[in-house]
N, C-alpha and C. Protein backbone atom coordinates (compact mmCIF):
# COMPACT_ATOMS: atom_id res chain seq x y z
N ILE A 1 -25.78 -45.65 -71.85
CA ILE A 1 -26.84 -46.58 -72.22
C ILE A 1 -26.25 -47.95 -72.52
N ARG A 2 -25.05 -47.96 -73.09
CA ARG A 2 -24.43 -49.24 -73.45
C ARG A 2 -24.12 -50.12 -72.26
N THR A 3 -24.07 -49.55 -71.06
CA THR A 3 -23.80 -50.37 -69.88
C THR A 3 -25.03 -51.14 -69.43
N LEU A 4 -26.21 -50.75 -69.90
CA LEU A 4 -27.46 -51.41 -69.52
C LEU A 4 -27.62 -52.74 -70.24
N LEU A 5 -28.45 -53.61 -69.68
CA LEU A 5 -28.76 -54.86 -70.38
C LEU A 5 -29.43 -54.54 -71.71
N PRO A 6 -29.24 -55.39 -72.72
CA PRO A 6 -29.85 -55.14 -74.03
C PRO A 6 -31.37 -54.96 -73.98
N GLU A 7 -32.03 -55.60 -73.04
CA GLU A 7 -33.50 -55.46 -72.93
C GLU A 7 -33.90 -54.08 -72.43
N VAL A 8 -33.01 -53.38 -71.74
CA VAL A 8 -33.31 -52.08 -71.15
C VAL A 8 -32.89 -50.94 -72.07
N GLN A 9 -31.86 -51.15 -72.86
CA GLN A 9 -31.31 -50.10 -73.71
C GLN A 9 -32.36 -49.41 -74.59
N PRO A 10 -33.27 -50.14 -75.27
CA PRO A 10 -34.23 -49.44 -76.12
C PRO A 10 -35.17 -48.54 -75.33
N TYR A 11 -35.43 -48.86 -74.08
CA TYR A 11 -36.29 -48.02 -73.25
C TYR A 11 -35.57 -46.71 -72.90
N ALA A 12 -34.28 -46.80 -72.58
CA ALA A 12 -33.52 -45.59 -72.28
C ALA A 12 -33.45 -44.68 -73.51
N ARG A 13 -33.23 -45.29 -74.68
CA ARG A 13 -33.19 -44.50 -75.91
C ARG A 13 -34.54 -43.87 -76.22
N ALA A 14 -35.60 -44.63 -76.05
CA ALA A 14 -36.95 -44.13 -76.33
C ALA A 14 -37.31 -42.99 -75.38
N LEU A 15 -36.92 -43.11 -74.12
CA LEU A 15 -37.19 -42.03 -73.16
C LEU A 15 -36.45 -40.77 -73.58
N TYR A 16 -35.20 -40.92 -73.96
CA TYR A 16 -34.39 -39.79 -74.43
C TYR A 16 -35.09 -39.08 -75.60
N HIS A 17 -35.50 -39.86 -76.61
CA HIS A 17 -36.10 -39.27 -77.81
C HIS A 17 -37.50 -38.71 -77.53
N SER A 18 -38.26 -39.37 -76.70
CA SER A 18 -39.60 -38.87 -76.36
C SER A 18 -39.51 -37.55 -75.59
N CYS A 19 -38.55 -37.46 -74.70
CA CYS A 19 -38.36 -36.20 -73.96
C CYS A 19 -37.93 -35.09 -74.90
N ALA A 20 -37.04 -35.40 -75.84
CA ALA A 20 -36.60 -34.39 -76.81
C ALA A 20 -37.78 -33.86 -77.61
N LYS A 21 -38.71 -34.74 -77.99
CA LYS A 21 -39.90 -34.31 -78.73
C LYS A 21 -40.78 -33.40 -77.89
N GLN A 22 -40.69 -33.51 -76.57
CA GLN A 22 -41.45 -32.66 -75.65
C GLN A 22 -40.68 -31.40 -75.27
N GLY A 23 -39.49 -31.23 -75.84
CA GLY A 23 -38.68 -30.06 -75.54
C GLY A 23 -37.87 -30.18 -74.26
N ILE A 24 -37.69 -31.41 -73.76
CA ILE A 24 -36.93 -31.63 -72.53
C ILE A 24 -35.61 -32.30 -72.93
N ASN A 25 -34.50 -31.62 -72.64
CA ASN A 25 -33.18 -32.13 -72.99
C ASN A 25 -32.64 -32.94 -71.81
N ILE A 26 -32.57 -34.27 -71.98
CA ILE A 26 -32.03 -35.13 -70.92
C ILE A 26 -30.84 -35.93 -71.44
N GLU A 27 -30.06 -36.41 -70.51
CA GLU A 27 -28.99 -37.36 -70.80
C GLU A 27 -29.12 -38.49 -69.79
N VAL A 28 -28.80 -39.70 -70.22
CA VAL A 28 -28.71 -40.82 -69.29
C VAL A 28 -27.34 -40.67 -68.63
N THR A 29 -27.35 -40.40 -67.34
CA THR A 29 -26.10 -40.08 -66.64
C THR A 29 -25.60 -41.19 -65.73
N SER A 30 -26.39 -42.24 -65.56
CA SER A 30 -25.95 -43.38 -64.76
C SER A 30 -26.68 -44.62 -65.23
N GLY A 31 -25.93 -45.69 -65.42
CA GLY A 31 -26.52 -46.96 -65.85
C GLY A 31 -26.09 -48.06 -64.90
N THR A 32 -25.47 -49.09 -65.44
CA THR A 32 -25.04 -50.21 -64.62
C THR A 32 -23.85 -49.79 -63.75
N ARG A 33 -23.90 -50.21 -62.49
CA ARG A 33 -22.81 -49.96 -61.55
C ARG A 33 -22.34 -51.28 -60.97
N THR A 34 -21.05 -51.38 -60.68
CA THR A 34 -20.54 -52.54 -59.96
C THR A 34 -20.96 -52.41 -58.50
N TYR A 35 -20.84 -53.50 -57.76
CA TYR A 35 -21.12 -53.45 -56.32
C TYR A 35 -20.18 -52.44 -55.66
N GLU A 36 -18.93 -52.40 -56.10
CA GLU A 36 -17.95 -51.48 -55.52
C GLU A 36 -18.34 -50.03 -55.79
N GLU A 37 -18.76 -49.73 -57.01
CA GLU A 37 -19.19 -48.37 -57.33
C GLU A 37 -20.41 -47.98 -56.49
N GLN A 38 -21.33 -48.93 -56.31
CA GLN A 38 -22.51 -48.67 -55.51
C GLN A 38 -22.12 -48.41 -54.05
N ASN A 39 -21.19 -49.19 -53.52
CA ASN A 39 -20.73 -48.99 -52.15
C ASN A 39 -20.06 -47.63 -51.97
N GLU A 40 -19.33 -47.18 -52.99
CA GLU A 40 -18.72 -45.84 -52.93
C GLU A 40 -19.81 -44.76 -52.85
N LEU A 41 -20.86 -44.90 -53.64
CA LEU A 41 -21.97 -43.94 -53.58
C LEU A 41 -22.67 -44.00 -52.23
N TYR A 42 -22.83 -45.21 -51.70
CA TYR A 42 -23.49 -45.38 -50.41
C TYR A 42 -22.67 -44.73 -49.29
N ALA A 43 -21.35 -44.77 -49.39
CA ALA A 43 -20.48 -44.19 -48.37
C ALA A 43 -20.57 -42.66 -48.35
N GLN A 44 -20.93 -42.07 -49.49
CA GLN A 44 -21.02 -40.62 -49.59
C GLN A 44 -22.06 -40.11 -48.59
N GLY A 45 -21.64 -39.16 -47.76
CA GLY A 45 -22.54 -38.61 -46.75
C GLY A 45 -22.63 -39.46 -45.49
N ARG A 46 -21.94 -40.58 -45.51
CA ARG A 46 -21.90 -41.45 -44.33
C ARG A 46 -20.47 -41.51 -43.81
N THR A 47 -19.62 -42.27 -44.47
CA THR A 47 -18.22 -42.38 -44.05
C THR A 47 -17.30 -41.53 -44.92
N LYS A 48 -17.84 -40.93 -45.98
CA LYS A 48 -17.08 -40.02 -46.85
C LYS A 48 -17.82 -38.70 -46.91
N SER A 49 -17.11 -37.66 -47.28
CA SER A 49 -17.72 -36.34 -47.36
C SER A 49 -18.76 -36.28 -48.48
N GLY A 50 -19.65 -35.33 -48.36
CA GLY A 50 -20.69 -35.13 -49.36
C GLY A 50 -22.06 -35.42 -48.79
N THR A 51 -23.05 -35.29 -49.65
CA THR A 51 -24.42 -35.56 -49.23
C THR A 51 -24.81 -36.97 -49.65
N LYS A 52 -25.74 -37.54 -48.93
CA LYS A 52 -26.23 -38.88 -49.26
C LYS A 52 -26.92 -38.85 -50.61
N VAL A 53 -26.57 -39.82 -51.45
CA VAL A 53 -27.18 -39.88 -52.78
C VAL A 53 -27.91 -41.21 -53.01
N THR A 54 -27.76 -42.16 -52.10
CA THR A 54 -28.45 -43.44 -52.25
C THR A 54 -28.65 -44.08 -50.89
N ASN A 55 -29.65 -44.90 -50.79
CA ASN A 55 -29.88 -45.71 -49.59
C ASN A 55 -29.51 -47.17 -49.83
N ALA A 56 -28.96 -47.47 -51.01
CA ALA A 56 -28.69 -48.86 -51.39
C ALA A 56 -27.20 -49.16 -51.41
N LYS A 57 -26.83 -50.20 -50.70
CA LYS A 57 -25.46 -50.72 -50.76
C LYS A 57 -25.32 -51.58 -52.00
N GLY A 58 -24.09 -51.98 -52.30
CA GLY A 58 -23.83 -52.86 -53.43
C GLY A 58 -24.64 -54.15 -53.32
N GLY A 59 -25.28 -54.53 -54.42
CA GLY A 59 -26.12 -55.72 -54.45
C GLY A 59 -27.57 -55.44 -54.10
N TYR A 60 -27.86 -54.21 -53.66
CA TYR A 60 -29.21 -53.84 -53.26
C TYR A 60 -29.74 -52.67 -54.09
N SER A 61 -29.14 -52.46 -55.25
CA SER A 61 -29.58 -51.44 -56.19
C SER A 61 -29.82 -52.10 -57.53
N ASN A 62 -30.90 -51.72 -58.20
CA ASN A 62 -31.17 -52.25 -59.53
C ASN A 62 -30.10 -51.83 -60.54
N HIS A 63 -29.35 -50.77 -60.23
CA HIS A 63 -28.24 -50.38 -61.09
C HIS A 63 -27.18 -51.49 -61.16
N ASN A 64 -27.07 -52.29 -60.11
CA ASN A 64 -26.06 -53.36 -60.08
C ASN A 64 -26.36 -54.48 -61.06
N PHE A 65 -27.55 -54.50 -61.62
CA PHE A 65 -27.96 -55.61 -62.49
C PHE A 65 -28.31 -55.16 -63.90
N GLY A 66 -28.04 -53.88 -64.22
CA GLY A 66 -28.26 -53.39 -65.58
C GLY A 66 -29.70 -53.15 -65.95
N VAL A 67 -30.60 -53.08 -64.95
CA VAL A 67 -32.02 -52.88 -65.24
C VAL A 67 -32.49 -51.48 -64.88
N ALA A 68 -31.58 -50.61 -64.40
CA ALA A 68 -31.96 -49.26 -63.97
C ALA A 68 -31.00 -48.22 -64.54
N PHE A 69 -31.55 -47.02 -64.72
CA PHE A 69 -30.73 -45.90 -65.19
C PHE A 69 -31.28 -44.60 -64.62
N ASP A 70 -30.42 -43.61 -64.54
CA ASP A 70 -30.80 -42.27 -64.08
C ASP A 70 -30.63 -41.29 -65.23
N VAL A 71 -31.47 -40.28 -65.25
CA VAL A 71 -31.38 -39.23 -66.25
C VAL A 71 -31.14 -37.90 -65.55
N THR A 72 -30.60 -36.97 -66.29
CA THR A 72 -30.41 -35.61 -65.80
C THR A 72 -30.90 -34.66 -66.88
N ILE A 73 -31.64 -33.64 -66.48
CA ILE A 73 -32.07 -32.58 -67.41
C ILE A 73 -30.88 -31.63 -67.60
N PHE A 74 -30.70 -31.19 -68.84
CA PHE A 74 -29.68 -30.19 -69.14
C PHE A 74 -30.32 -28.99 -69.81
N LYS A 75 -29.92 -27.81 -69.37
CA LYS A 75 -30.35 -26.55 -69.99
C LYS A 75 -29.10 -25.70 -70.20
N ASP A 76 -28.91 -25.26 -71.42
CA ASP A 76 -27.74 -24.47 -71.78
C ASP A 76 -26.44 -25.17 -71.37
N GLY A 77 -26.42 -26.51 -71.53
CA GLY A 77 -25.23 -27.30 -71.24
C GLY A 77 -24.97 -27.56 -69.77
N GLN A 78 -25.86 -27.09 -68.90
CA GLN A 78 -25.68 -27.26 -67.46
C GLN A 78 -26.73 -28.21 -66.90
N PRO A 79 -26.35 -29.06 -65.94
CA PRO A 79 -27.33 -29.96 -65.33
C PRO A 79 -28.35 -29.19 -64.50
N VAL A 80 -29.58 -29.65 -64.56
CA VAL A 80 -30.67 -29.08 -63.77
C VAL A 80 -31.10 -30.18 -62.81
N TRP A 81 -30.79 -30.01 -61.53
CA TRP A 81 -31.02 -31.07 -60.56
C TRP A 81 -32.45 -31.11 -60.04
N GLU A 82 -33.10 -29.98 -60.00
CA GLU A 82 -34.48 -29.94 -59.53
C GLU A 82 -35.31 -29.15 -60.53
N SER A 83 -36.41 -29.76 -60.96
CA SER A 83 -37.29 -29.13 -61.94
C SER A 83 -38.61 -29.88 -61.98
N PRO A 84 -39.71 -29.17 -62.20
CA PRO A 84 -40.99 -29.86 -62.38
C PRO A 84 -41.00 -30.74 -63.62
N ALA A 85 -40.03 -30.54 -64.51
CA ALA A 85 -39.95 -31.35 -65.72
C ALA A 85 -39.66 -32.81 -65.41
N TYR A 86 -39.07 -33.10 -64.24
CA TYR A 86 -38.82 -34.50 -63.88
C TYR A 86 -40.13 -35.27 -63.75
N LYS A 87 -41.21 -34.59 -63.34
CA LYS A 87 -42.52 -35.25 -63.27
C LYS A 87 -43.03 -35.58 -64.67
N ALA A 88 -42.78 -34.69 -65.61
CA ALA A 88 -43.17 -34.96 -67.00
C ALA A 88 -42.37 -36.13 -67.56
N ILE A 89 -41.09 -36.18 -67.25
CA ILE A 89 -40.25 -37.29 -67.69
C ILE A 89 -40.76 -38.59 -67.08
N GLY A 90 -41.12 -38.53 -65.80
CA GLY A 90 -41.68 -39.70 -65.12
C GLY A 90 -42.92 -40.22 -65.81
N ALA A 91 -43.80 -39.31 -66.22
CA ALA A 91 -45.04 -39.71 -66.92
C ALA A 91 -44.71 -40.37 -68.25
N ILE A 92 -43.73 -39.84 -68.96
CA ILE A 92 -43.33 -40.44 -70.24
C ILE A 92 -42.79 -41.85 -69.99
N GLY A 93 -41.90 -41.99 -69.01
CA GLY A 93 -41.32 -43.30 -68.70
C GLY A 93 -42.38 -44.31 -68.27
N ARG A 94 -43.30 -43.87 -67.42
CA ARG A 94 -44.39 -44.76 -66.99
C ARG A 94 -45.20 -45.23 -68.19
N GLY A 95 -45.45 -44.33 -69.12
CA GLY A 95 -46.21 -44.67 -70.32
C GLY A 95 -45.52 -45.72 -71.19
N MET A 96 -44.22 -45.87 -71.02
CA MET A 96 -43.45 -46.88 -71.75
C MET A 96 -43.38 -48.20 -71.00
N GLY A 97 -43.85 -48.20 -69.76
CA GLY A 97 -43.78 -49.42 -68.95
C GLY A 97 -42.63 -49.46 -67.98
N LEU A 98 -41.93 -48.33 -67.81
CA LEU A 98 -40.84 -48.26 -66.85
C LEU A 98 -41.38 -47.95 -65.46
N THR A 99 -40.67 -48.39 -64.45
CA THR A 99 -40.95 -47.99 -63.08
C THR A 99 -40.18 -46.70 -62.85
N TRP A 100 -40.86 -45.70 -62.26
CA TRP A 100 -40.25 -44.39 -62.04
C TRP A 100 -39.98 -44.21 -60.55
N GLY A 101 -38.77 -43.81 -60.20
CA GLY A 101 -38.39 -43.59 -58.82
C GLY A 101 -39.14 -42.46 -58.14
N GLY A 102 -39.76 -41.58 -58.90
CA GLY A 102 -40.55 -40.51 -58.33
C GLY A 102 -41.85 -40.99 -57.72
N ASP A 103 -42.24 -42.22 -58.01
CA ASP A 103 -43.46 -42.80 -57.44
C ASP A 103 -43.21 -43.52 -56.12
N TRP A 104 -41.96 -43.67 -55.74
CA TRP A 104 -41.65 -44.43 -54.54
C TRP A 104 -42.11 -43.69 -53.29
N GLN A 105 -42.53 -44.45 -52.30
CA GLN A 105 -43.01 -43.87 -51.05
C GLN A 105 -41.87 -43.59 -50.06
N SER A 106 -40.90 -44.49 -49.99
CA SER A 106 -39.85 -44.36 -48.98
C SER A 106 -38.85 -43.24 -49.31
N ILE A 107 -38.53 -43.08 -50.56
CA ILE A 107 -37.61 -42.04 -51.01
C ILE A 107 -38.00 -41.69 -52.44
N SER A 108 -38.08 -40.42 -52.74
CA SER A 108 -38.40 -40.00 -54.10
C SER A 108 -37.09 -39.84 -54.86
N ASP A 109 -36.97 -40.54 -55.98
CA ASP A 109 -35.76 -40.50 -56.80
C ASP A 109 -36.20 -40.21 -58.23
N GLU A 110 -36.55 -38.94 -58.49
CA GLU A 110 -37.15 -38.56 -59.78
C GLU A 110 -36.28 -38.85 -60.99
N PRO A 111 -34.96 -38.82 -60.92
CA PRO A 111 -34.16 -39.15 -62.10
C PRO A 111 -34.09 -40.65 -62.43
N HIS A 112 -34.61 -41.51 -61.54
CA HIS A 112 -34.42 -42.96 -61.64
C HIS A 112 -35.55 -43.66 -62.40
N PHE A 113 -35.14 -44.59 -63.30
CA PHE A 113 -36.07 -45.44 -64.04
C PHE A 113 -35.53 -46.86 -64.04
N GLU A 114 -36.44 -47.84 -64.07
CA GLU A 114 -36.01 -49.23 -64.15
C GLU A 114 -37.05 -50.05 -64.89
N LEU A 115 -36.58 -51.13 -65.48
CA LEU A 115 -37.44 -52.07 -66.18
C LEU A 115 -37.42 -53.38 -65.41
N LYS A 116 -38.56 -53.75 -64.87
CA LYS A 116 -38.65 -55.00 -64.13
C LYS A 116 -38.77 -56.16 -65.12
N PRO A 117 -38.00 -57.22 -64.90
CA PRO A 117 -38.18 -58.42 -65.72
C PRO A 117 -39.58 -59.00 -65.50
N LYS A 118 -40.09 -59.71 -66.48
CA LYS A 118 -41.43 -60.27 -66.39
C LYS A 118 -41.61 -61.12 -65.14
N TRP A 119 -40.63 -61.93 -64.80
CA TRP A 119 -40.74 -62.82 -63.65
C TRP A 119 -40.85 -62.05 -62.33
N ALA A 120 -40.47 -60.77 -62.33
CA ALA A 120 -40.44 -59.98 -61.10
C ALA A 120 -41.55 -58.96 -60.99
N ARG A 121 -42.42 -58.90 -61.96
CA ARG A 121 -43.41 -57.82 -61.99
C ARG A 121 -44.36 -57.81 -60.80
N ASP A 122 -44.63 -58.95 -60.21
CA ASP A 122 -45.54 -59.01 -59.06
C ASP A 122 -44.79 -59.11 -57.74
N LEU A 123 -43.49 -58.96 -57.77
CA LEU A 123 -42.68 -59.05 -56.56
C LEU A 123 -42.43 -57.67 -55.97
N SER A 124 -42.19 -57.64 -54.67
CA SER A 124 -41.77 -56.40 -54.04
C SER A 124 -40.36 -56.07 -54.53
N GLU A 125 -39.95 -54.85 -54.28
CA GLU A 125 -38.61 -54.42 -54.68
C GLU A 125 -37.53 -55.29 -54.02
N SER A 126 -37.68 -55.56 -52.72
CA SER A 126 -36.66 -56.36 -52.03
C SER A 126 -36.64 -57.80 -52.54
N ASP A 127 -37.80 -58.36 -52.88
CA ASP A 127 -37.85 -59.72 -53.41
C ASP A 127 -37.25 -59.78 -54.81
N MET A 128 -37.51 -58.75 -55.62
CA MET A 128 -36.92 -58.71 -56.95
C MET A 128 -35.39 -58.61 -56.85
N LEU A 129 -34.90 -57.77 -55.97
CA LEU A 129 -33.45 -57.64 -55.80
C LEU A 129 -32.83 -58.95 -55.32
N ALA A 130 -33.52 -59.66 -54.43
CA ALA A 130 -33.02 -60.96 -53.98
C ALA A 130 -32.95 -61.92 -55.16
N GLY A 131 -33.96 -61.89 -56.02
CA GLY A 131 -33.95 -62.74 -57.21
C GLY A 131 -32.84 -62.36 -58.17
N LEU A 132 -32.59 -61.07 -58.35
CA LEU A 132 -31.51 -60.62 -59.23
C LEU A 132 -30.15 -61.03 -58.67
N ARG A 133 -29.97 -60.94 -57.35
CA ARG A 133 -28.70 -61.39 -56.76
C ARG A 133 -28.52 -62.89 -56.97
N GLU A 134 -29.58 -63.66 -56.77
CA GLU A 134 -29.50 -65.12 -56.98
C GLU A 134 -29.15 -65.44 -58.43
N ARG A 135 -29.80 -64.75 -59.37
CA ARG A 135 -29.53 -64.98 -60.78
C ARG A 135 -28.08 -64.62 -61.13
N LYS A 136 -27.62 -63.49 -60.62
CA LYS A 136 -26.24 -63.07 -60.90
C LYS A 136 -25.26 -64.11 -60.36
N ALA A 137 -25.48 -64.57 -59.13
CA ALA A 137 -24.59 -65.57 -58.53
C ALA A 137 -24.60 -66.88 -59.30
N ALA A 138 -25.74 -67.20 -59.91
CA ALA A 138 -25.87 -68.46 -60.66
C ALA A 138 -25.48 -68.29 -62.13
N GLY A 139 -25.13 -67.06 -62.54
CA GLY A 139 -24.78 -66.82 -63.93
C GLY A 139 -25.99 -66.84 -64.86
N LYS A 140 -27.17 -66.61 -64.32
CA LYS A 140 -28.41 -66.65 -65.09
C LYS A 140 -28.80 -65.22 -65.51
N PRO A 141 -29.24 -65.03 -66.74
CA PRO A 141 -29.63 -63.69 -67.19
C PRO A 141 -30.80 -63.12 -66.39
N ALA A 142 -30.76 -61.82 -66.18
CA ALA A 142 -31.81 -61.14 -65.42
C ALA A 142 -33.17 -61.25 -66.10
N PHE A 143 -33.20 -61.24 -67.43
CA PHE A 143 -34.46 -61.23 -68.14
C PHE A 143 -34.89 -62.60 -68.66
N ALA A 144 -34.14 -63.64 -68.33
CA ALA A 144 -34.56 -64.98 -68.76
C ALA A 144 -35.86 -65.32 -68.07
N GLY A 145 -36.78 -65.90 -68.81
CA GLY A 145 -38.06 -66.30 -68.22
C GLY A 145 -37.88 -67.52 -67.35
N GLY A 146 -38.97 -68.06 -66.93
CA GLY A 146 -38.93 -69.32 -66.20
C GLY A 146 -38.94 -69.18 -64.71
N ALA A 147 -38.49 -68.06 -64.16
CA ALA A 147 -38.51 -67.92 -62.71
C ALA A 147 -39.90 -67.46 -62.29
N LYS A 148 -40.84 -68.36 -62.37
CA LYS A 148 -42.21 -68.03 -62.03
C LYS A 148 -42.46 -68.19 -60.54
N THR A 149 -41.46 -68.63 -59.83
CA THR A 149 -41.56 -68.68 -58.38
C THR A 149 -40.74 -67.53 -57.82
N ALA A 150 -41.13 -67.09 -56.65
CA ALA A 150 -40.39 -66.02 -56.01
C ALA A 150 -39.05 -66.57 -55.56
N PRO A 151 -38.07 -65.71 -55.33
CA PRO A 151 -36.78 -66.18 -54.86
C PRO A 151 -36.93 -66.95 -53.55
N ALA A 152 -35.96 -67.78 -53.27
CA ALA A 152 -36.01 -68.62 -52.07
C ALA A 152 -36.12 -67.81 -50.79
N THR A 153 -35.73 -66.54 -50.84
CA THR A 153 -35.75 -65.71 -49.64
C THR A 153 -37.12 -65.12 -49.34
N THR A 154 -38.11 -65.37 -50.19
CA THR A 154 -39.44 -64.79 -49.97
C THR A 154 -40.42 -65.84 -49.49
N LYS A 155 -41.57 -65.37 -49.05
CA LYS A 155 -42.62 -66.27 -48.59
C LYS A 155 -43.76 -66.33 -49.60
N ALA A 156 -43.54 -65.79 -50.79
CA ALA A 156 -44.60 -65.78 -51.81
C ALA A 156 -44.92 -67.20 -52.26
N ALA A 157 -46.17 -67.42 -52.61
CA ALA A 157 -46.59 -68.75 -53.06
C ALA A 157 -45.96 -69.05 -54.41
N PRO A 158 -45.43 -70.26 -54.59
CA PRO A 158 -44.82 -70.63 -55.88
C PRO A 158 -45.88 -70.70 -56.98
N GLN A 159 -45.45 -70.34 -58.17
CA GLN A 159 -46.29 -70.46 -59.36
C GLN A 159 -45.66 -71.49 -60.28
N ALA A 160 -46.42 -71.94 -61.25
CA ALA A 160 -45.90 -72.96 -62.18
C ALA A 160 -44.73 -72.39 -62.97
N ALA A 161 -43.67 -73.15 -63.07
CA ALA A 161 -42.49 -72.73 -63.83
C ALA A 161 -42.67 -73.12 -65.29
N ALA A 162 -42.12 -72.31 -66.17
CA ALA A 162 -42.20 -72.58 -67.60
C ALA A 162 -40.79 -72.49 -68.18
N GLN A 163 -40.62 -73.01 -69.38
CA GLN A 163 -39.30 -72.96 -70.01
C GLN A 163 -38.92 -71.52 -70.28
N GLU A 164 -37.66 -71.18 -70.00
CA GLU A 164 -37.19 -69.81 -70.11
C GLU A 164 -37.40 -69.21 -71.49
N SER A 165 -37.00 -69.88 -72.49
CA SER A 165 -37.03 -69.29 -73.83
C SER A 165 -38.44 -69.08 -74.35
N GLN A 166 -39.42 -69.79 -73.82
CA GLN A 166 -40.79 -69.67 -74.31
C GLN A 166 -41.60 -68.67 -73.51
N GLU A 167 -41.11 -68.21 -72.37
CA GLU A 167 -41.91 -67.37 -71.50
C GLU A 167 -41.49 -65.91 -71.47
N GLN A 168 -40.56 -65.51 -72.29
CA GLN A 168 -40.15 -64.11 -72.28
C GLN A 168 -41.23 -63.24 -72.90
N ALA A 169 -41.44 -62.08 -72.29
CA ALA A 169 -42.37 -61.10 -72.83
C ALA A 169 -41.74 -60.48 -74.07
N PRO A 170 -42.56 -59.96 -75.00
CA PRO A 170 -41.98 -59.36 -76.21
C PRO A 170 -40.94 -58.30 -75.91
N GLU A 171 -41.17 -57.44 -74.90
CA GLU A 171 -40.19 -56.41 -74.61
C GLU A 171 -38.91 -56.99 -74.07
N GLU A 172 -38.96 -58.21 -73.52
CA GLU A 172 -37.76 -58.83 -73.01
C GLU A 172 -36.94 -59.45 -74.13
N GLN A 173 -37.50 -59.57 -75.32
CA GLN A 173 -36.79 -60.12 -76.46
C GLN A 173 -36.35 -59.02 -77.43
N ALA A 174 -36.66 -57.78 -77.10
CA ALA A 174 -36.40 -56.67 -78.00
C ALA A 174 -34.91 -56.54 -78.29
N ALA A 175 -34.60 -56.30 -79.54
CA ALA A 175 -33.22 -56.04 -79.94
C ALA A 175 -32.88 -54.62 -79.54
N PRO A 176 -31.62 -54.33 -79.23
CA PRO A 176 -31.25 -52.99 -78.79
C PRO A 176 -31.65 -51.88 -79.75
N GLU A 177 -31.72 -52.17 -81.05
CA GLU A 177 -32.07 -51.11 -81.98
C GLU A 177 -33.57 -50.86 -82.05
N GLN A 178 -34.39 -51.72 -81.49
CA GLN A 178 -35.82 -51.49 -81.47
C GLN A 178 -36.12 -50.42 -80.43
N THR A 179 -37.11 -49.60 -80.72
CA THR A 179 -37.46 -48.53 -79.81
C THR A 179 -38.91 -48.68 -79.40
N PRO A 180 -39.15 -48.92 -78.10
CA PRO A 180 -40.54 -48.97 -77.63
C PRO A 180 -41.12 -47.56 -77.67
N THR A 181 -42.40 -47.48 -77.83
CA THR A 181 -43.05 -46.19 -77.82
C THR A 181 -44.08 -46.16 -76.70
N PRO A 182 -44.24 -45.01 -76.09
CA PRO A 182 -45.21 -44.93 -75.00
C PRO A 182 -46.62 -45.17 -75.52
N THR A 183 -47.44 -45.82 -74.71
CA THR A 183 -48.82 -46.06 -75.11
C THR A 183 -49.64 -44.78 -74.98
N THR A 184 -49.30 -43.96 -74.03
CA THR A 184 -49.96 -42.66 -73.87
C THR A 184 -48.91 -41.66 -73.47
N SER A 185 -49.14 -40.42 -73.82
CA SER A 185 -48.24 -39.38 -73.38
C SER A 185 -49.02 -38.42 -72.50
N THR A 186 -48.75 -38.50 -71.22
CA THR A 186 -49.42 -37.63 -70.28
C THR A 186 -48.54 -36.45 -69.91
N ALA A 187 -47.39 -36.37 -70.53
CA ALA A 187 -46.44 -35.30 -70.19
C ALA A 187 -46.81 -34.02 -70.93
N PRO A 188 -46.83 -32.90 -70.23
CA PRO A 188 -47.07 -31.63 -70.91
C PRO A 188 -45.87 -31.22 -71.75
N LYS A 189 -46.12 -30.43 -72.76
CA LYS A 189 -45.01 -29.93 -73.58
C LYS A 189 -44.28 -28.88 -72.78
N LEU A 190 -42.98 -29.09 -72.58
CA LEU A 190 -42.18 -28.20 -71.76
C LEU A 190 -41.04 -27.61 -72.58
N ALA A 191 -41.38 -26.90 -73.62
CA ALA A 191 -40.36 -26.34 -74.51
C ALA A 191 -39.55 -25.25 -73.82
N SER A 192 -40.07 -24.70 -72.73
CA SER A 192 -39.36 -23.60 -72.08
C SER A 192 -38.16 -24.07 -71.28
N LEU A 193 -37.97 -25.38 -71.10
CA LEU A 193 -36.81 -25.86 -70.35
C LEU A 193 -35.62 -25.74 -71.25
């Protein structure tokens, strides 16, 4: 969790604790990755042995920018890779305002969660990633406000820009020790896991 941006850390902690209250034992097993680490994962099942675990090269994964994390269910100290409980975890995460990889159309990634910065909420995934790459290259924080226009690589209509410090959403200003709580809990109690 500590590898994630400070704005994302409280969401990862809240998901962990909310799942525990539902009887689901999870661990955050992947957070921020370097471009090199991402490229190593991308090579798996392609140019290296193993099965494919990602479709994203370095710079094209939200993990590269500290806004995404993966969870794994554990039962009796062992990882559980496939379980209907991932859908319950997804519902809990969605209720907190996280984007859940299990909702994706192109590839289902049930262990994956991410927090979109306010400036990127209306952007496509590829446009948000382009904006995150631009921000990283410019040394600009991922969650700084003010980028009310789409990245230069998109065709989206520009919106009025505002000062960064005045336009951050409350969750983007959250201190790491603050814990967001889900607005609704649609997850069933899964104490049997």
